[in-house]
N, C-alpha and C. Protein backbone atom coordinates (compact mmCIF):
# COMPACT_ATOMS: atom_id res chain seq x y z
N MET A 1 0.64 -0.98 0.31
CA MET A 1 -0.09 0.04 0.16
C MET A 1 1.49 1.08 0.24
N LYS A 2 1.76 1.36 0.52
CA LYS A 2 2.99 2.38 1.31
C LYS A 2 3.31 2.92 -0.31
N SER A 3 4.03 1.96 -1.36
CA SER A 3 4.56 2.13 -2.66
C SER A 3 3.57 2.37 -3.65
N THR A 4 2.49 2.09 -2.94
CA THR A 4 1.50 2.24 -4.32
C THR A 4 0.91 4.06 -4.06
N PHE A 5 0.71 4.30 -2.68
CA PHE A 5 0.11 5.82 -2.54
C PHE A 5 1.53 6.70 -2.96
N THR A 6 2.94 6.19 -2.69
CA THR A 6 4.19 6.74 -3.34
C THR A 6 4.47 7.01 -4.61
N ASN A 7 4.08 6.00 -5.06
CA ASN A 7 3.72 6.33 -7.09
C ASN A 7 3.03 7.24 -7.27
N LEU A 8 1.60 7.15 -6.37
CA LEU A 8 0.06 7.58 -6.80
C LEU A 8 1.00 9.90 -6.28
N LEU A 9 1.50 10.39 -5.00
CA LEU A 9 2.55 10.94 -5.01
C LEU A 9 3.14 11.67 -6.25
N SER A 10 3.79 10.78 -6.14
CA SER A 10 4.92 11.30 -7.30
C SER A 10 4.32 11.66 -8.63
N PHE A 11 3.68 10.49 -8.80
CA PHE A 11 3.29 11.39 -10.24
C PHE A 11 1.75 12.46 -10.42
N LEU A 12 1.10 13.00 -9.22
CA LEU A 12 0.51 13.68 -9.20
C LEU A 12 1.80 15.16 -8.57
N LYS A 13 3.02 15.28 -8.26
CA LYS A 13 4.10 15.91 -8.73
C LYS A 13 4.37 16.36 -9.58
N SER A 14 4.91 15.41 -10.05
CA SER A 14 5.12 15.37 -11.52
C SER A 14 4.73 14.44 -12.95
N PRO A 15 3.71 14.83 -12.97
CA PRO A 15 2.89 13.70 -14.09
C PRO A 15 3.71 13.94 -15.64
N TYR A 16 3.55 12.44 -15.92
CA TYR A 16 4.24 12.34 -17.40
C TYR A 16 3.53 11.37 -18.13
N LEU A 17 3.78 11.85 -19.79
CA LEU A 17 2.81 11.16 -20.60
C LEU A 17 3.21 9.56 -20.91
N PRO A 18 3.29 8.25 -20.52
CA PRO A 18 4.01 7.25 -20.42
C PRO A 18 3.83 6.75 -22.39
N GLU A 19 5.17 6.03 -21.92
CA GLU A 19 5.32 5.54 -23.68
C GLU A 19 3.88 4.49 -24.36
N THR A 20 3.45 3.77 -23.37
CA THR A 20 2.57 2.72 -23.29
C THR A 20 1.21 2.17 -21.78
N TYR A 21 0.59 2.29 -22.03
CA TYR A 21 -0.59 1.47 -21.07
C TYR A 21 0.03 0.44 -20.73
N THR A 22 -0.54 0.13 -19.56
CA THR A 22 0.03 -1.10 -18.44
C THR A 22 -1.64 -1.97 -18.00
N PRO A 23 -1.97 -2.91 -17.30
CA PRO A 23 -3.08 -2.92 -17.50
C PRO A 23 -3.14 -3.04 -15.42
N ILE A 24 -3.48 -2.58 -14.92
CA ILE A 24 -3.37 -2.35 -13.61
C ILE A 24 -3.70 -3.70 -12.83
N LYS A 25 -2.98 -4.02 -11.71
CA LYS A 25 -2.76 -5.39 -10.68
C LYS A 25 -3.98 -5.42 -9.84
N PRO A 26 -4.20 -6.57 -9.71
CA PRO A 26 -5.52 -6.20 -8.87
C PRO A 26 -5.78 -5.61 -7.76
N LYS A 27 -4.32 -5.98 -6.80
CA LYS A 27 -3.69 -5.61 -5.69
C LYS A 27 -3.34 -4.03 -5.65
N THR A 28 -2.49 -3.58 -7.06
CA THR A 28 -2.56 -1.61 -7.09
C THR A 28 -4.24 -1.36 -7.29
N PHE A 29 -4.87 -1.77 -7.90
CA PHE A 29 -6.45 -1.23 -8.22
C PHE A 29 -6.98 -1.38 -6.76
N LEU A 30 -7.21 -2.32 -5.96
CA LEU A 30 -8.06 -2.43 -4.19
C LEU A 30 -7.27 -1.27 -3.80
N VAL A 31 -5.63 -1.06 -3.70
CA VAL A 31 -4.81 -0.48 -2.65
C VAL A 31 -5.81 0.87 -2.92
N LEU A 32 -5.80 1.47 -4.79
CA LEU A 32 -6.47 2.71 -4.84
C LEU A 32 -8.31 2.83 -4.28
N LEU A 33 -8.29 2.29 -4.35
CA LEU A 33 -10.35 2.04 -4.27
C LEU A 33 -9.46 2.21 -2.41
N VAL A 34 -9.37 1.27 -1.80
CA VAL A 34 -9.15 1.85 -0.29
C VAL A 34 -8.93 3.35 0.11
N LEU A 35 -7.31 3.35 -0.64
CA LEU A 35 -7.16 4.54 -0.35
C LEU A 35 -7.81 5.94 -0.54
N THR A 36 -8.79 5.78 -1.73
CA THR A 36 -9.55 6.72 -2.05
C THR A 36 -10.82 7.19 -1.10
N LEU A 37 -11.41 5.60 -0.34
CA LEU A 37 -12.60 5.59 -0.12
C LEU A 37 -12.03 5.80 1.28
N SER A 38 -10.86 5.71 2.00
CA SER A 38 -10.36 6.06 2.71
C SER A 38 -10.43 7.82 4.00
N ILE A 39 -9.78 8.56 2.65
CA ILE A 39 -9.56 9.49 2.75
C ILE A 39 -11.47 10.41 2.54
N ILE A 40 -11.72 9.81 1.40
CA ILE A 40 -13.35 10.63 1.20
C ILE A 40 -14.45 10.48 2.21
N ILE A 41 -14.55 9.20 2.78
CA ILE A 41 -15.52 9.04 3.57
C ILE A 41 -15.50 9.52 4.71
N PRO A 42 -14.60 9.27 5.43
CA PRO A 42 -14.16 10.13 6.73
C PRO A 42 -14.52 12.08 6.16
N TYR A 43 -14.10 12.42 5.53
CA TYR A 43 -14.07 13.75 4.39
C TYR A 43 -15.60 14.01 4.88
N ALA A 44 -16.30 12.92 3.90
CA ALA A 44 -17.89 13.19 4.22
C ALA A 44 -18.71 13.56 5.31
N LEU A 45 -17.86 12.53 5.86
CA LEU A 45 -18.90 13.09 7.10
C LEU A 45 -18.36 13.99 8.16
N ILE A 46 -17.04 14.25 7.94
CA ILE A 46 -16.85 15.45 8.20
C ILE A 46 -17.76 17.14 8.11
N LEU A 47 -17.63 17.01 6.80
CA LEU A 47 -18.54 18.05 5.98
C LEU A 47 -20.40 17.72 6.50
N ASP A 48 -20.92 16.77 7.21
CA ASP A 48 -22.05 16.92 7.06
C ASP A 48 -22.31 17.12 8.84
N ALA A 49 -21.30 16.87 9.93
CA ALA A 49 -21.11 17.70 11.36
C ALA A 49 -20.53 18.30 10.92
N ALA A 50 -20.08 19.59 9.76
CA ALA A 50 -20.27 20.58 9.61
C ALA A 50 -21.29 21.42 9.81
N GLY A 51 -22.38 21.11 8.80
CA GLY A 51 -23.24 21.79 8.46
C GLY A 51 -23.33 21.74 7.33
N MET A 52 -23.04 20.79 6.11
CA MET A 52 -23.35 20.57 5.16
C MET A 52 -24.73 19.53 4.07
N ASP A 53 -24.69 18.85 5.87
CA ASP A 53 -26.54 18.30 5.49
C ASP A 53 -27.50 19.49 5.17
N GLN A 54 -27.28 20.31 5.20
CA GLN A 54 -28.31 21.78 5.33
C GLN A 54 -28.98 22.02 4.01
N PHE A 55 -27.95 21.16 3.03
CA PHE A 55 -27.76 21.33 1.29
C PHE A 55 -28.82 20.39 0.88
N ASP A 56 -30.00 20.44 0.29
CA ASP A 56 -30.89 19.64 -0.53
C ASP A 56 -30.10 18.95 -1.71
N HIS A 57 -30.09 17.51 -1.65
CA HIS A 57 -29.11 16.59 -2.39
C HIS A 57 -29.79 16.39 -3.06
N LYS A 58 -29.63 16.34 -4.47
CA LYS A 58 -30.37 15.60 -5.68
C LYS A 58 -30.52 14.04 -5.85
N LEU A 59 -29.55 14.00 -4.93
CA LEU A 59 -29.42 12.06 -5.07
C LEU A 59 -31.06 11.88 -3.84
N GLU A 60 -30.98 12.38 -3.48
CA GLU A 60 -32.53 12.55 -2.17
C GLU A 60 -34.03 11.70 -3.53
N GLU A 61 -33.94 12.99 -4.35
CA GLU A 61 -34.69 13.11 -4.62
C GLU A 61 -35.19 12.24 -6.00
N LEU A 62 -34.02 11.81 -6.48
CA LEU A 62 -33.52 10.64 -7.75
C LEU A 62 -34.34 9.51 -7.22
N LEU A 63 -33.52 8.86 -5.98
CA LEU A 63 -33.54 8.34 -4.63
C LEU A 63 -35.31 7.39 -4.82
N LYS A 64 -35.59 8.77 -4.72
CA LYS A 64 -37.63 8.76 -4.68
C LYS A 64 -38.11 8.01 -5.55
N LYS A 65 -37.77 8.78 -6.72
CA LYS A 65 -38.70 8.40 -7.52
C LYS A 65 -37.66 6.78 -8.22
N SER A 66 -37.09 6.29 -8.39
CA SER A 66 -36.62 4.68 -8.84
C SER A 66 -34.97 5.42 -8.16
N LYS A 67 -35.10 4.45 -7.31
CA LYS A 67 -33.15 4.21 -6.76
C LYS A 67 -32.75 3.39 -7.69
N TRP A 68 -33.20 2.02 -8.19
CA TRP A 68 -31.83 1.53 -9.13
C TRP A 68 -31.35 2.57 -10.58
N ILE A 69 -32.40 2.87 -10.70
CA ILE A 69 -31.89 3.81 -12.05
C ILE A 69 -30.88 4.23 -12.19
N VAL A 70 -31.18 5.33 -10.54
CA VAL A 70 -29.93 5.75 -9.89
C VAL A 70 -28.55 5.26 -9.73
N ALA A 71 -28.68 3.82 -9.10
CA ALA A 71 -27.66 2.76 -9.49
C ALA A 71 -27.27 2.73 -10.78
N ILE A 72 -27.50 2.37 -11.38
CA ILE A 72 -27.14 2.01 -13.14
C ILE A 72 -26.14 3.59 -13.57
N ALA A 73 -27.21 4.24 -13.46
CA ALA A 73 -26.40 5.73 -13.97
C ALA A 73 -25.44 6.05 -12.98
N ALA A 74 -24.88 5.92 -12.17
CA ALA A 74 -24.20 6.28 -11.44
C ALA A 74 -22.98 5.45 -11.71
N ILE A 75 -23.17 3.97 -12.32
CA ILE A 75 -22.28 3.13 -11.79
C ILE A 75 -21.90 2.60 -13.45
N PHE A 76 -22.17 2.34 -14.50
CA PHE A 76 -22.76 2.81 -15.64
C PHE A 76 -22.38 4.11 -16.35
N LEU A 77 -23.06 4.57 -16.55
CA LEU A 77 -23.42 6.49 -17.57
C LEU A 77 -22.15 7.59 -17.49
N ALA A 78 -22.55 7.71 -15.79
CA ALA A 78 -21.61 7.80 -15.47
C ALA A 78 -20.14 8.18 -15.87
N PRO A 79 -19.44 6.80 -15.82
CA PRO A 79 -18.23 6.70 -16.34
C PRO A 79 -17.72 7.01 -17.46
N LEU A 80 -18.98 6.26 -18.31
CA LEU A 80 -18.66 5.90 -19.64
C LEU A 80 -18.63 7.35 -20.04
N LEU A 81 -19.84 8.23 -19.64
CA LEU A 81 -19.54 10.03 -20.30
C LEU A 81 -18.37 10.88 -19.41
N GLU A 82 -18.38 10.65 -18.21
CA GLU A 82 -17.72 11.84 -17.27
C GLU A 82 -15.97 11.57 -17.93
N GLU A 83 -16.01 10.54 -17.57
CA GLU A 83 -13.92 9.84 -17.90
C GLU A 83 -13.53 10.65 -18.99
N PRO A 84 -14.24 10.41 -21.05
CA PRO A 84 -13.80 10.89 -21.73
C PRO A 84 -14.07 11.88 -21.79
N ILE A 85 -14.62 12.88 -20.65
CA ILE A 85 -14.96 14.42 -20.77
C ILE A 85 -13.93 15.32 -20.35
N PHE A 86 -13.60 14.43 -18.96
CA PHE A 86 -12.49 15.37 -18.41
C PHE A 86 -10.98 14.73 -18.21
N ARG A 87 -11.76 13.18 -18.84
CA ARG A 87 -9.50 12.71 -19.09
C ARG A 87 -9.24 12.31 -20.42
N LEU A 88 -10.04 12.01 -21.09
CA LEU A 88 -9.60 11.65 -22.57
C LEU A 88 -8.35 12.64 -22.74
N HIS A 89 -8.70 13.95 -23.14
CA HIS A 89 -7.70 14.97 -23.06
C HIS A 89 -6.26 14.70 -22.67
N LEU A 90 -6.26 14.01 -21.49
CA LEU A 90 -4.84 14.87 -20.38
C LEU A 90 -4.30 13.52 -21.69
N ASP A 91 -4.01 13.14 -22.71
CA ASP A 91 -3.04 12.69 -23.89
C ASP A 91 -2.80 14.06 -24.45
N LEU A 92 -2.82 15.47 -24.46
CA LEU A 92 -2.32 16.35 -25.27
C LEU A 92 -2.45 16.46 -26.67
N LYS A 93 -3.71 15.51 -26.76
CA LYS A 93 -4.39 15.35 -28.54
C LYS A 93 -5.39 15.82 -28.87
N LYS A 94 -5.14 16.52 -30.21
CA LYS A 94 -6.59 17.24 -30.37
C LYS A 94 -7.92 16.84 -30.19
N SER A 95 -7.85 15.37 -31.05
CA SER A 95 -8.63 14.55 -31.28
C SER A 95 -9.33 14.48 -29.74
N SER A 96 -9.04 14.39 -28.81
CA SER A 96 -8.93 13.77 -27.64
C SER A 96 -9.81 14.88 -27.35
N ILE A 97 -9.51 16.28 -27.17
CA ILE A 97 -9.85 17.61 -27.47
C ILE A 97 -11.27 17.76 -27.60
N TRP A 98 -10.99 17.50 -28.60
CA TRP A 98 -12.92 17.80 -29.49
C TRP A 98 -13.69 16.49 -28.77
N TRP A 99 -13.16 15.37 -28.87
CA TRP A 99 -14.20 14.23 -28.42
C TRP A 99 -15.27 15.20 -26.95
N GLY A 100 -13.86 15.50 -25.97
CA GLY A 100 -14.09 16.18 -24.43
C GLY A 100 -15.58 17.10 -24.87
N ILE A 101 -15.45 18.46 -25.77
CA ILE A 101 -15.84 19.27 -26.17
C ILE A 101 -17.16 18.12 -26.34
N GLY A 102 -17.31 17.47 -27.53
CA GLY A 102 -18.54 17.05 -28.07
C GLY A 102 -19.41 16.52 -27.16
N LEU A 103 -18.98 15.48 -26.31
CA LEU A 103 -19.54 14.66 -25.31
C LEU A 103 -20.53 15.91 -24.17
N SER A 104 -19.60 16.91 -23.56
CA SER A 104 -19.51 17.79 -22.78
C SER A 104 -21.18 18.14 -23.11
N VAL A 105 -21.45 18.43 -23.99
CA VAL A 105 -22.59 19.03 -24.20
C VAL A 105 -23.87 18.51 -23.66
N LEU A 106 -23.81 16.87 -23.26
CA LEU A 106 -24.77 16.48 -23.20
C LEU A 106 -24.89 16.44 -21.27
N MET A 107 -23.51 17.04 -21.19
CA MET A 107 -24.00 17.59 -19.23
C MET A 107 -24.59 18.89 -18.86
N LEU A 108 -24.94 19.90 -20.37
CA LEU A 108 -25.18 21.00 -19.84
C LEU A 108 -26.74 20.54 -19.14
N GLY A 109 -27.31 21.46 -17.92
CA GLY A 109 -28.22 21.57 -17.47
C GLY A 109 -28.40 22.73 -16.87
N GLU A 110 -29.40 22.18 -15.15
CA GLU A 110 -29.39 23.88 -14.83
C GLU A 110 -28.35 24.36 -14.15
N VAL A 111 -26.69 23.58 -14.25
CA VAL A 111 -26.06 24.48 -13.68
C VAL A 111 -25.46 24.42 -14.56
N TRP A 112 -24.91 25.52 -15.13
CA TRP A 112 -24.17 25.12 -16.65
C TRP A 112 -23.10 25.57 -16.82
N TRP A 113 -22.80 26.23 -15.76
CA TRP A 113 -21.31 27.69 -15.78
C TRP A 113 -20.04 26.66 -15.73
N PRO A 114 -20.29 25.14 -14.82
CA PRO A 114 -18.57 24.41 -14.54
C PRO A 114 -18.76 23.33 -16.71
N VAL A 115 -19.87 23.52 -17.05
CA VAL A 115 -19.17 23.64 -18.50
C VAL A 115 -19.31 24.65 -19.06
N ALA A 116 -19.46 25.74 -18.79
CA ALA A 116 -18.89 26.49 -19.76
C ALA A 116 -17.69 26.96 -19.35
N LEU A 117 -16.77 26.76 -18.71
CA LEU A 117 -15.52 26.59 -17.32
C LEU A 117 -15.25 25.97 -18.94
N LEU A 118 -15.21 24.63 -18.71
CA LEU A 118 -14.79 23.11 -19.21
C LEU A 118 -14.29 23.94 -20.89
N TRP A 119 -15.40 24.49 -21.22
CA TRP A 119 -15.53 24.36 -22.74
C TRP A 119 -13.87 26.21 -23.03
N VAL A 120 -13.98 26.69 -21.68
CA VAL A 120 -13.17 27.89 -21.87
C VAL A 120 -12.02 27.62 -22.24
N TYR A 121 -11.25 26.55 -21.24
CA TYR A 121 -10.36 25.65 -20.60
C TYR A 121 -9.79 24.38 -21.96
N LEU A 122 -10.76 24.11 -22.46
CA LEU A 122 -10.95 23.25 -23.17
C LEU A 122 -10.14 23.36 -24.69
N PHE A 123 -11.07 25.25 -25.19
CA PHE A 123 -10.25 25.69 -26.27
C PHE A 123 -8.97 26.32 -26.14
N PHE A 124 -9.09 26.54 -24.38
CA PHE A 124 -7.51 27.19 -24.60
C PHE A 124 -6.41 26.18 -24.80
N LEU A 125 -6.98 24.77 -24.45
CA LEU A 125 -5.84 24.02 -24.70
C LEU A 125 -5.73 23.41 -26.26
N LEU A 126 -6.81 23.88 -26.89
CA LEU A 126 -6.36 23.28 -28.29
C LEU A 126 -5.59 24.46 -28.83
N TYR A 127 -6.37 25.77 -28.90
CA TYR A 127 -5.28 26.96 -29.22
C TYR A 127 -3.86 27.09 -28.44
N ARG A 128 -3.73 26.31 -27.70
CA ARG A 128 -1.89 26.49 -27.13
C ARG A 128 -1.40 24.99 -27.84
N LEU A 129 -2.24 24.28 -28.30
CA LEU A 129 -1.13 23.32 -28.79
C LEU A 129 -1.18 23.49 -30.51
N SER A 130 -2.21 23.89 -30.84
CA SER A 130 -2.36 24.71 -32.27
C SER A 130 -1.02 25.64 -32.31
N LYS A 131 -0.16 26.44 -31.56
CA LYS A 131 0.42 27.04 -31.51
C LYS A 131 1.76 26.03 -30.96
N GLY A 132 1.71 25.55 -31.09
CA GLY A 132 3.03 24.43 -30.67
C GLY A 132 3.58 24.70 -29.42
N ASN A 133 2.86 24.18 -28.09
CA ASN A 133 2.76 25.19 -26.70
C ASN A 133 2.08 24.81 -25.84
N PRO A 134 1.62 23.30 -25.62
CA PRO A 134 1.18 22.87 -24.56
C PRO A 134 1.08 23.39 -23.95
N LEU A 135 0.21 23.28 -22.84
CA LEU A 135 -0.04 23.66 -21.55
C LEU A 135 0.76 22.45 -20.95
N SER A 136 1.21 22.71 -19.66
CA SER A 136 2.20 21.60 -18.65
C SER A 136 1.16 20.52 -18.54
N LEU A 137 2.00 19.40 -18.47
CA LEU A 137 0.64 18.45 -18.01
C LEU A 137 0.23 18.59 -17.11
N LYS A 138 1.35 19.26 -16.14
CA LYS A 138 0.44 19.21 -14.65
C LYS A 138 -0.48 20.04 -14.33
N TYR A 139 -0.42 21.09 -14.96
CA TYR A 139 -1.72 22.43 -14.98
C TYR A 139 -2.83 21.87 -15.63
N VAL A 140 -2.55 20.17 -16.32
CA VAL A 140 -3.73 19.68 -17.45
C VAL A 140 -4.36 19.14 -16.40
N LEU A 141 -3.45 18.70 -15.62
CA LEU A 141 -4.00 17.15 -14.81
C LEU A 141 -4.59 17.62 -13.74
N TRP A 142 -4.21 19.02 -13.17
CA TRP A 142 -5.47 19.79 -11.77
C TRP A 142 -6.30 20.55 -12.09
N ILE A 143 -6.23 21.11 -13.45
CA ILE A 143 -7.16 21.60 -13.82
C ILE A 143 -8.49 21.11 -14.58
N SER A 144 -7.90 20.12 -14.64
CA SER A 144 -9.24 19.16 -15.04
C SER A 144 -10.14 18.57 -13.75
N SER A 145 -9.42 18.51 -13.08
CA SER A 145 -9.81 17.64 -12.09
C SER A 145 -10.69 18.67 -10.91
N ALA A 146 -9.98 19.89 -11.35
CA ALA A 146 -11.17 21.16 -10.59
C ALA A 146 -12.09 21.23 -11.29
N LEU A 147 -12.49 20.88 -12.28
CA LEU A 147 -14.11 21.55 -13.09
C LEU A 147 -14.29 19.64 -13.46
N PHE A 148 -14.08 18.73 -13.22
CA PHE A 148 -14.63 17.54 -12.79
C PHE A 148 -14.96 17.47 -11.38
N ALA A 149 -14.53 18.20 -10.40
CA ALA A 149 -15.34 18.26 -9.14
C ALA A 149 -16.69 19.30 -9.09
N LEU A 150 -16.30 20.58 -9.48
CA LEU A 150 -17.26 21.14 -10.24
C LEU A 150 -18.29 21.23 -11.06
N VAL A 151 -18.47 20.14 -11.50
CA VAL A 151 -19.32 19.71 -12.31
C VAL A 151 -20.62 19.13 -11.11
N HIS A 152 -19.92 19.10 -10.13
CA HIS A 152 -21.02 17.71 -9.12
C HIS A 152 -21.31 18.98 -8.46
N MET A 153 -21.49 20.33 -8.37
CA MET A 153 -22.08 20.99 -7.79
C MET A 153 -23.26 20.92 -8.31
N GLY A 154 -24.10 20.16 -9.69
CA GLY A 154 -25.06 20.19 -9.66
C GLY A 154 -26.30 19.35 -9.36
N ASN A 155 -25.04 17.95 -8.23
CA ASN A 155 -25.71 17.39 -7.39
C ASN A 155 -26.11 18.03 -6.73
N PHE A 156 -26.51 19.23 -6.36
CA PHE A 156 -27.39 20.53 -4.66
C PHE A 156 -28.62 21.05 -5.37
N SER A 157 -29.28 21.19 -5.01
CA SER A 157 -30.84 21.80 -5.53
C SER A 157 -30.54 22.82 -5.00
N ASP A 158 -31.01 23.86 -6.13
CA ASP A 158 -31.27 25.82 -5.84
C ASP A 158 -30.42 25.91 -4.61
N PHE A 159 -28.93 25.79 -5.06
CA PHE A 159 -27.44 26.15 -4.17
C PHE A 159 -27.61 27.82 -4.11
N ASP A 160 -27.85 28.50 -3.00
CA ASP A 160 -27.53 29.57 -3.22
C ASP A 160 -26.02 30.65 -3.07
N TYR A 161 -25.48 30.40 -4.35
CA TYR A 161 -24.53 30.63 -4.51
C TYR A 161 -23.80 32.12 -4.33
N GLY A 162 -24.94 32.97 -4.43
CA GLY A 162 -24.33 34.34 -3.40
C GLY A 162 -24.29 34.44 -1.89
N ARG A 163 -24.90 33.80 -1.62
CA ARG A 163 -24.65 33.07 0.17
C ARG A 163 -23.99 32.63 0.72
N TYR A 164 -23.63 31.19 -0.30
CA TYR A 164 -22.98 30.01 0.96
C TYR A 164 -21.60 29.93 -0.44
N PHE A 165 -21.10 30.99 -1.26
CA PHE A 165 -20.03 30.23 -2.42
C PHE A 165 -18.90 29.73 -1.29
N TYR A 166 -18.82 30.30 -0.28
CA TYR A 166 -17.50 29.39 0.31
C TYR A 166 -18.04 28.14 0.61
N TRP A 167 -18.64 27.01 0.93
CA TRP A 167 -18.65 26.31 0.98
C TRP A 167 -18.30 25.36 -0.27
N VAL A 168 -18.03 25.91 -1.58
CA VAL A 168 -18.54 25.44 -3.08
C VAL A 168 -17.22 24.48 -2.71
N PRO A 169 -15.64 24.67 -2.60
CA PRO A 169 -14.59 23.64 -2.64
C PRO A 169 -14.43 23.13 -1.28
N PHE A 170 -15.62 23.12 -0.37
CA PHE A 170 -15.30 22.07 0.47
C PHE A 170 -16.80 21.26 -0.27
N MET A 171 -17.42 21.51 -0.81
CA MET A 171 -18.54 20.68 -1.31
C MET A 171 -18.18 19.61 -2.12
N VAL A 172 -17.38 20.01 -3.03
CA VAL A 172 -16.98 18.77 -4.36
C VAL A 172 -15.49 19.06 -4.03
N GLY A 173 -15.00 18.59 -3.03
CA GLY A 173 -13.51 18.54 -2.47
C GLY A 173 -13.72 16.90 -3.05
N ALA A 174 -14.56 15.89 -2.18
CA ALA A 174 -13.82 14.98 -2.64
C ALA A 174 -14.19 14.14 -3.87
N GLN A 175 -15.22 15.05 -4.96
CA GLN A 175 -14.67 15.03 -6.00
C GLN A 175 -13.76 14.78 -6.72
N PHE A 176 -12.69 16.24 -6.88
CA PHE A 176 -12.15 16.66 -6.83
C PHE A 176 -10.85 15.60 -6.16
N MET A 177 -10.69 15.31 -5.07
CA MET A 177 -9.26 13.77 -4.97
C MET A 177 -9.77 12.81 -5.56
N ALA A 178 -11.19 12.26 -5.96
CA ALA A 178 -11.12 11.47 -6.93
C ALA A 178 -10.44 11.34 -8.55
N GLY A 179 -10.71 12.89 -8.42
CA GLY A 179 -10.49 13.12 -10.31
C GLY A 179 -9.02 13.13 -10.08
N LEU A 180 -7.99 13.20 -9.32
CA LEU A 180 -6.58 13.01 -9.33
C LEU A 180 -6.25 11.60 -9.49
N VAL A 181 -7.01 11.21 -8.56
CA VAL A 181 -6.65 9.24 -8.58
C VAL A 181 -7.04 8.92 -10.33
N LEU A 182 -8.08 9.02 -10.41
CA LEU A 182 -8.97 9.03 -11.75
C LEU A 182 -7.74 9.08 -13.18
N SER A 183 -7.02 10.49 -12.64
CA SER A 183 -6.52 10.77 -13.92
C SER A 183 -5.31 10.35 -14.02
N TYR A 184 -4.24 9.92 -12.96
CA TYR A 184 -3.89 8.78 -12.66
C TYR A 184 -3.34 7.42 -13.23
N ILE A 185 -4.68 7.08 -12.02
CA ILE A 185 -5.34 5.61 -13.36
C ILE A 185 -5.18 5.89 -14.90
N ARG A 186 -5.56 6.96 -15.96
CA ARG A 186 -6.18 6.61 -16.84
C ARG A 186 -4.31 6.99 -18.21
N LEU A 187 -3.91 7.92 -16.99
CA LEU A 187 -2.38 8.05 -18.05
C LEU A 187 -1.16 7.58 -17.72
N ASN A 188 -1.33 6.21 -16.70
CA ASN A 188 -0.59 5.15 -16.32
C ASN A 188 -1.27 3.75 -16.53
N HIS A 189 -2.47 3.91 -17.08
CA HIS A 189 -3.14 1.93 -17.48
C HIS A 189 -4.60 2.41 -18.76
N GLY A 190 -4.59 3.79 -18.86
CA GLY A 190 -5.60 3.55 -19.64
C GLY A 190 -6.93 3.84 -19.57
N MET A 191 -7.59 4.60 -20.78
CA MET A 191 -9.37 4.97 -20.38
C MET A 191 -10.13 4.06 -19.61
N LYS A 192 -10.04 2.95 -20.56
CA LYS A 192 -10.38 1.08 -20.15
C LYS A 192 -10.43 1.59 -18.32
N TRP A 193 -9.05 1.45 -17.70
CA TRP A 193 -9.05 1.01 -16.64
C TRP A 193 -9.80 2.14 -15.88
N GLY A 194 -9.83 3.07 -16.03
CA GLY A 194 -10.25 4.73 -15.83
C GLY A 194 -11.83 4.66 -15.43
N MET A 195 -12.27 3.62 -16.49
CA MET A 195 -13.39 3.69 -16.58
C MET A 195 -14.46 2.99 -15.35
N ILE A 196 -13.31 2.05 -15.38
CA ILE A 196 -13.41 0.34 -14.58
C ILE A 196 -13.74 0.99 -13.11
N PHE A 197 -12.31 2.36 -12.89
CA PHE A 197 -12.21 2.16 -11.67
C PHE A 197 -13.56 3.27 -10.90
N HIS A 198 -13.79 4.07 -11.67
CA HIS A 198 -15.06 4.75 -11.70
C HIS A 198 -15.89 4.39 -10.83
N GLY A 199 -16.60 3.07 -12.00
CA GLY A 199 -17.84 2.54 -11.77
C GLY A 199 -17.71 1.96 -10.09
N VAL A 200 -16.63 1.50 -10.06
CA VAL A 200 -16.57 0.59 -8.89
C VAL A 200 -16.35 1.32 -7.70
N TYR A 201 -16.03 2.71 -7.78
CA TYR A 201 -15.85 3.58 -7.01
C TYR A 201 -17.08 4.07 -6.67
N ASN A 202 -17.80 4.18 -7.59
CA ASN A 202 -19.25 4.51 -7.10
C ASN A 202 -20.37 3.45 -7.05
N ALA A 203 -20.16 2.74 -7.13
CA ALA A 203 -21.01 1.59 -7.16
C ALA A 203 -20.56 1.27 -5.17
N VAL A 204 -19.34 1.40 -4.74
CA VAL A 204 -19.33 1.00 -3.44
C VAL A 204 -19.73 2.60 -2.44
N LEU A 205 -19.83 3.29 -2.89
CA LEU A 205 -20.62 4.11 -2.72
C LEU A 205 -21.99 4.39 -2.89
N ILE A 206 -22.59 3.47 -3.87
CA ILE A 206 -23.80 3.99 -3.83
C ILE A 206 -24.81 3.11 -3.84
N ILE A 207 -24.48 1.62 -3.52
CA ILE A 207 -25.30 0.75 -3.81
C ILE A 207 -25.48 0.48 -2.24
N PRO A 208 -25.06 0.64 -1.36
CA PRO A 208 -25.22 0.91 -0.13
C PRO A 208 -26.30 1.50 0.20
N ALA A 209 -25.97 2.88 -0.12
CA ALA A 209 -27.51 4.03 -0.04
C ALA A 209 -28.91 3.33 -0.82
N VAL A 210 -28.47 2.96 -1.65
CA VAL A 210 -29.85 2.30 -2.49
C VAL A 210 -30.17 1.43 -1.64
N TYR A 211 -29.72 0.58 -1.17
CA TYR A 211 -30.22 -0.74 -0.55
C TYR A 211 -30.59 -0.59 0.89
N PHE A 212 -30.17 0.82 1.22
CA PHE A 212 -30.67 0.90 2.78
C PHE A 212 -31.98 2.06 2.20
N TYR A 213 -32.37 2.82 1.70
CA TYR A 213 -33.15 3.76 1.13
C TYR A 213 -34.51 3.42 1.75
N GLU A 214 -35.04 4.25 3.00
CA GLU A 214 -36.92 3.59 2.87
C GLU A 214 -37.47 4.74 2.82
N GLY A 215 -36.53 6.08 1.85
CA GLY A 215 -37.71 6.68 1.54
C GLY A 215 -38.88 6.93 0.91
């Protein structure tokens, strides 16, 4: 576990584009999953204790309508959509950026501004690539993870940004940390394993919520 954690931290400090992707070992997959959950679950509990439960979460509303559809969407659809949008372009290829721009249209909704920020970022990335001066991979990785986090503000209903703006970084902090881990997997092991990890991670979180929901 220590070596996997050390490799993750080293990569996040100085990310690189590997020549080839390698299949992720089951042990490494499990260690990364446990590491991520061991940070995010306590983090979520601390936020609830600090008062974040005052904000309406759309998950509660969706569970009332059809809880198993929520599970299917979170485990299968979310990884298939979010991974290409937020992490395919980490290979710094123009075609990958265009895929992200095109697919991101499907995420437009009530909370549109994170998608607008994503477009600004991706078009800027295209511009830099066209000039032969790509953005540093480190910045690309961290910015994409931040935007991945911000798009999850759509999980909250009628959030008053003017009054509670200071809550935003904390409300999406868990998604930011997950985004960094997913970026590490995508760049070292490929998109397929990033999608699989995303789906398993969501399953661990959503299945207990769905199974024990009594609303």
